[in-house]
Amino acid sequence: MGAKREKENLPNQYFEKNPSCESRKREIHVNLGGKERSVLTDSGVFSASGLDKGTGVLLQSVPTPPPSSCVLDLGCGWGAISMDLAIKSPSCQIWALEINERAKELCKKNAEKLGIRNIKVIDEGQKTPDFDFIYSNPPVRIGKEAMRKLIGTWMARLKEGGKAYMVVNKHLGSDSLMAWMKEEGWKAQKIKSSKGYRVIEVCR
């Protein structure tokens, strides 16, 4: 009952396809690609007030994808990970996956605002190539089983030799997620621990 109530009372229902809260767009300034940039956010999307701490830890801890890589941003939100990677590696193709319609539109608008052309925003039903890299601050609030299903589905699209990088709060199941991935046959290891977050590297 407590878990259900927590989900119902969460502000900004970022894990829903169509948030019921009133839209309240705002402009924020965040560091992306090594420079402060202006982007748009909105109520009902993940981390609407700024760059999420976990996302910041992830971006500071993981390698930039090599040129011409095919990259998935799993749960892109308003586009922080996608835009940072696209700016750092402009010849990569970034596929930004998101269920939240409000967040998808923001990601598209923010990419246009910053003149980024190598991001394609998609939903779960769209056809994509397999990926060289996956980057994600996964939506832990959707529940353990749903999150594992989501991660497992897209990890199966990782190319041989590909790598995935995820950041999860250590109090919200980072260690159990890593253990589960090992049980599923993936090579998973912690590569960074900072500000209460674990950055996990996963290989085929």
Protein backbone atom coordinates (compact mmCIF):
# COMPACT_ATOMS: atom_id res chain seq x y z
CA MET A 1 0.00 0.00 0.00
CA GLY A 2 2.84 2.35 0.88
CA ALA A 3 4.55 1.83 -2.50
CA LYS A 4 1.28 2.44 -4.33
CA ARG A 5 0.65 5.64 -2.37
CA GLU A 6 4.21 6.83 -3.05
CA LYS A 7 3.67 6.39 -6.79
CA GLU A 8 0.30 8.14 -6.70
CA ASN A 9 1.71 11.11 -4.78
CA LEU A 10 4.83 11.60 -6.88
CA PRO A 11 4.99 15.13 -8.30
CA ASN A 12 5.59 15.45 -12.02
CA GLN A 13 4.33 12.06 -13.17
CA TYR A 14 7.25 11.61 -15.51
CA PHE A 15 6.67 7.88 -15.97
CA GLU A 16 3.19 8.42 -17.47
CA LYS A 17 2.53 8.75 -21.21
CA ASN A 18 0.35 11.82 -20.73
CA PRO A 19 0.95 13.64 -17.41
CA SER A 20 -2.25 14.93 -15.82
CA CYS A 21 -0.61 17.92 -14.15
CA GLU A 22 -0.88 21.32 -15.78
CA SER A 23 1.85 22.22 -18.24
CA ARG A 24 4.22 24.88 -16.89
CA LYS A 25 7.11 25.37 -19.26
CA ARG A 26 10.24 27.05 -18.02
CA GLU A 27 13.71 27.88 -19.28
CA ILE A 28 16.67 26.60 -17.28
CA HIS A 29 20.44 26.88 -17.68
CA VAL A 30 22.49 23.67 -17.47
CA ASN A 31 25.96 22.50 -18.39
CA LEU A 32 25.79 20.27 -21.46
CA GLY A 33 28.74 19.37 -23.66
CA GLY A 34 31.10 21.37 -21.44
CA LYS A 35 29.21 24.66 -21.71
CA GLU A 36 26.25 26.33 -20.02
CA ARG A 37 23.21 26.17 -22.27
CA SER A 38 19.59 27.25 -22.12
CA VAL A 39 16.93 24.54 -22.48
CA LEU A 40 13.20 24.15 -21.92
CA THR A 41 11.57 21.92 -19.30
CA ASP A 42 8.00 21.46 -18.10
CA SER A 43 6.00 20.09 -15.20
CA GLY A 44 5.22 16.39 -15.54
CA VAL A 45 8.69 15.50 -16.83
CA PHE A 46 11.70 14.10 -15.02
CA SER A 47 13.97 16.65 -13.30
CA ALA A 48 12.10 19.70 -14.56
CA SER A 49 13.99 22.15 -12.34
CA GLY A 50 17.49 21.35 -13.57
CA LEU A 51 20.04 18.66 -14.37
CA ASP A 52 19.38 15.62 -12.18
CA LYS A 53 22.28 14.78 -9.83
CA GLY A 54 22.42 11.19 -11.04
CA THR A 55 22.49 12.29 -14.67
CA GLY A 56 25.31 14.69 -13.83
CA VAL A 57 27.30 11.89 -12.20
CA LEU A 58 26.72 9.67 -15.24
CA LEU A 59 27.86 12.27 -17.75
CA GLN A 60 31.00 13.02 -15.75
CA SER A 61 31.90 9.34 -15.38
CA VAL A 62 31.41 7.65 -18.74
CA PRO A 63 33.33 7.80 -22.02
CA THR A 64 32.01 9.73 -24.98
CA PRO A 65 30.88 7.38 -27.76
CA PRO A 66 33.38 7.15 -30.65
CA PRO A 67 32.53 8.82 -33.98
CA SER A 68 29.71 7.27 -36.01
CA SER A 69 28.45 5.14 -33.10
CA CYS A 70 24.78 4.20 -32.85
CA VAL A 71 23.61 5.22 -29.37
CA LEU A 72 20.43 4.76 -27.34
CA ASP A 73 19.41 7.16 -24.58
CA LEU A 74 16.96 5.00 -22.63
CA GLY A 75 14.40 7.29 -20.97
CA CYS A 76 15.61 10.58 -22.42
CA GLY A 77 13.32 12.99 -20.54
CA TRP A 78 13.86 16.54 -21.78
CA GLY A 79 17.08 15.41 -23.45
CA ALA A 80 20.02 16.00 -21.10
CA ILE A 81 21.98 12.82 -21.87
CA SER A 82 21.15 12.86 -25.58
CA MET A 83 22.22 16.48 -26.05
CA ASP A 84 25.42 16.14 -24.03
CA LEU A 85 26.51 13.10 -26.05
CA ALA A 86 25.40 14.61 -29.36
CA ILE A 87 27.40 17.78 -28.73
CA LYS A 88 30.51 15.84 -27.71
CA SER A 89 30.25 13.35 -30.58
CA PRO A 90 28.38 15.08 -33.45
CA SER A 91 28.84 12.23 -35.94
CA CYS A 92 27.00 9.74 -33.71
CA GLN A 93 23.36 8.88 -34.26
CA ILE A 94 21.51 9.29 -30.95
CA TRP A 95 18.15 7.53 -30.56
CA ALA A 96 16.28 9.14 -27.65
CA LEU A 97 13.60 6.80 -26.26
CA GLU A 98 10.80 8.17 -24.09
CA ILE A 99 7.20 7.28 -23.22
CA ASN A 100 6.21 10.70 -21.82
CA GLU A 101 4.77 12.73 -24.71
CA ARG A 102 5.52 16.04 -23.01
CA ALA A 103 9.16 15.05 -22.52
CA LYS A 104 9.48 13.82 -26.11
CA GLU A 105 8.39 17.20 -27.46
CA LEU A 106 10.80 18.98 -25.14
CA CYS A 107 13.69 16.81 -26.29
CA LYS A 108 12.90 17.62 -29.92
CA LYS A 109 12.55 21.35 -29.21
CA ASN A 110 15.74 21.48 -27.15
CA ALA A 111 17.74 19.74 -29.87
CA GLU A 112 16.39 22.25 -32.40
CA LYS A 113 17.10 25.13 -30.01
CA LEU A 114 20.75 24.09 -29.72
CA GLY A 115 21.13 23.30 -33.41
CA ILE A 116 21.65 19.58 -32.80
CA ARG A 117 20.73 17.39 -35.76
CA ASN A 118 21.93 13.92 -34.73
CA ILE A 119 19.15 13.11 -32.23
CA LYS A 120 16.04 11.16 -33.23
CA VAL A 121 13.30 11.00 -30.57
CA ILE A 122 11.39 7.71 -30.58
CA ASP A 123 8.90 5.64 -28.60
CA GLU A 124 8.97 1.92 -27.82
CA GLY A 125 7.12 0.89 -30.96
CA GLN A 126 9.50 2.41 -33.50
CA LYS A 127 12.00 0.37 -35.47
CA THR A 128 15.67 1.09 -34.72
CA PRO A 129 19.04 -0.43 -35.54
CA ASP A 130 21.01 -2.29 -32.88
CA PHE A 131 23.17 -0.13 -30.66
CA ASP A 132 26.88 0.26 -29.97
CA PHE A 133 26.16 2.01 -26.67
CA ILE A 134 23.24 2.54 -24.31
CA TYR A 135 23.20 5.35 -21.74
CA SER A 136 20.47 5.66 -19.14
CA ASN A 137 19.27 7.15 -15.89
CA PRO A 138 16.52 4.51 -15.77
CA PRO A 139 13.01 5.28 -14.42
CA VAL A 140 13.23 3.43 -11.09
CA ARG A 141 9.88 4.87 -9.95
CA ILE A 142 7.97 2.68 -12.38
CA GLY A 143 8.72 -0.29 -10.10
CA LYS A 144 11.40 -2.97 -10.04
CA GLU A 145 9.74 -5.51 -12.33
CA ALA A 146 8.71 -2.94 -14.93
CA MET A 147 12.16 -1.36 -14.93
CA ARG A 148 13.90 -4.72 -15.30
CA LYS A 149 11.63 -5.61 -18.20
CA LEU A 150 12.39 -2.28 -19.88
CA ILE A 151 16.13 -2.62 -19.39
CA GLY A 152 16.18 -6.27 -20.46
CA THR A 153 14.25 -5.51 -23.65
CA TRP A 154 16.67 -2.84 -24.79
CA MET A 155 19.85 -4.53 -23.56
CA ALA A 156 19.01 -7.31 -25.99
CA ARG A 157 19.51 -4.72 -28.75
CA LEU A 158 23.12 -4.08 -27.74
CA LYS A 159 25.61 -5.18 -30.40
CA GLU A 160 28.26 -7.78 -29.70
CA GLY A 161 31.05 -5.87 -27.98
CA GLY A 162 28.70 -3.02 -27.12
CA LYS A 163 28.43 -1.40 -23.70
CA ALA A 164 25.71 0.15 -21.59
CA TYR A 165 26.12 2.75 -18.86
CA MET A 166 23.45 3.33 -16.22
CA VAL A 167 23.24 5.45 -13.09
CA VAL A 168 21.04 4.41 -10.16
CA ASN A 169 20.74 5.77 -6.63
CA LYS A 170 22.32 3.30 -4.22
CA HIS A 171 19.25 3.57 -1.96
CA LEU A 172 16.90 2.79 -4.87
CA GLY A 173 18.29 -0.57 -5.90
CA SER A 174 21.58 -0.04 -7.76
CA ASP A 175 23.28 -3.06 -6.18
CA SER A 176 20.29 -5.38 -6.64
CA LEU A 177 19.98 -4.24 -10.28
CA MET A 178 23.63 -5.05 -10.87
CA ALA A 179 23.22 -8.48 -9.25
CA TRP A 180 20.14 -9.19 -11.38
CA MET A 181 21.99 -8.29 -14.57
CA LYS A 182 24.78 -10.70 -13.66
CA GLU A 183 22.18 -13.42 -13.08
CA GLU A 184 20.82 -12.68 -16.57
CA GLY A 185 24.25 -13.36 -18.05
CA TRP A 186 25.55 -9.81 -18.48
CA LYS A 187 28.92 -8.56 -17.27
CA ALA A 188 28.03 -5.76 -14.88
CA GLN A 189 30.37 -3.73 -12.70
CA LYS A 190 30.35 -0.49 -10.74
CA ILE A 191 32.72 2.03 -12.29
CA LYS A 192 31.87 5.08 -10.18
CA SER A 193 30.21 5.90 -6.87
CA SER A 194 29.46 9.57 -6.16
CA LYS A 195 26.82 11.68 -4.38
CA GLY A 196 24.83 8.57 -3.44
CA TYR A 197 24.75 7.19 -6.99
CA ARG A 198 26.34 4.18 -8.64
CA VAL A 199 27.39 4.19 -12.28
CA ILE A 200 27.16 0.70 -13.73
CA GLU A 201 28.90 -0.55 -16.87
CA VAL A 202 27.26 -3.50 -18.59
CA CYS A 203 28.80 -5.57 -21.40
CA ARG A 204 27.60 -8.52 -23.46
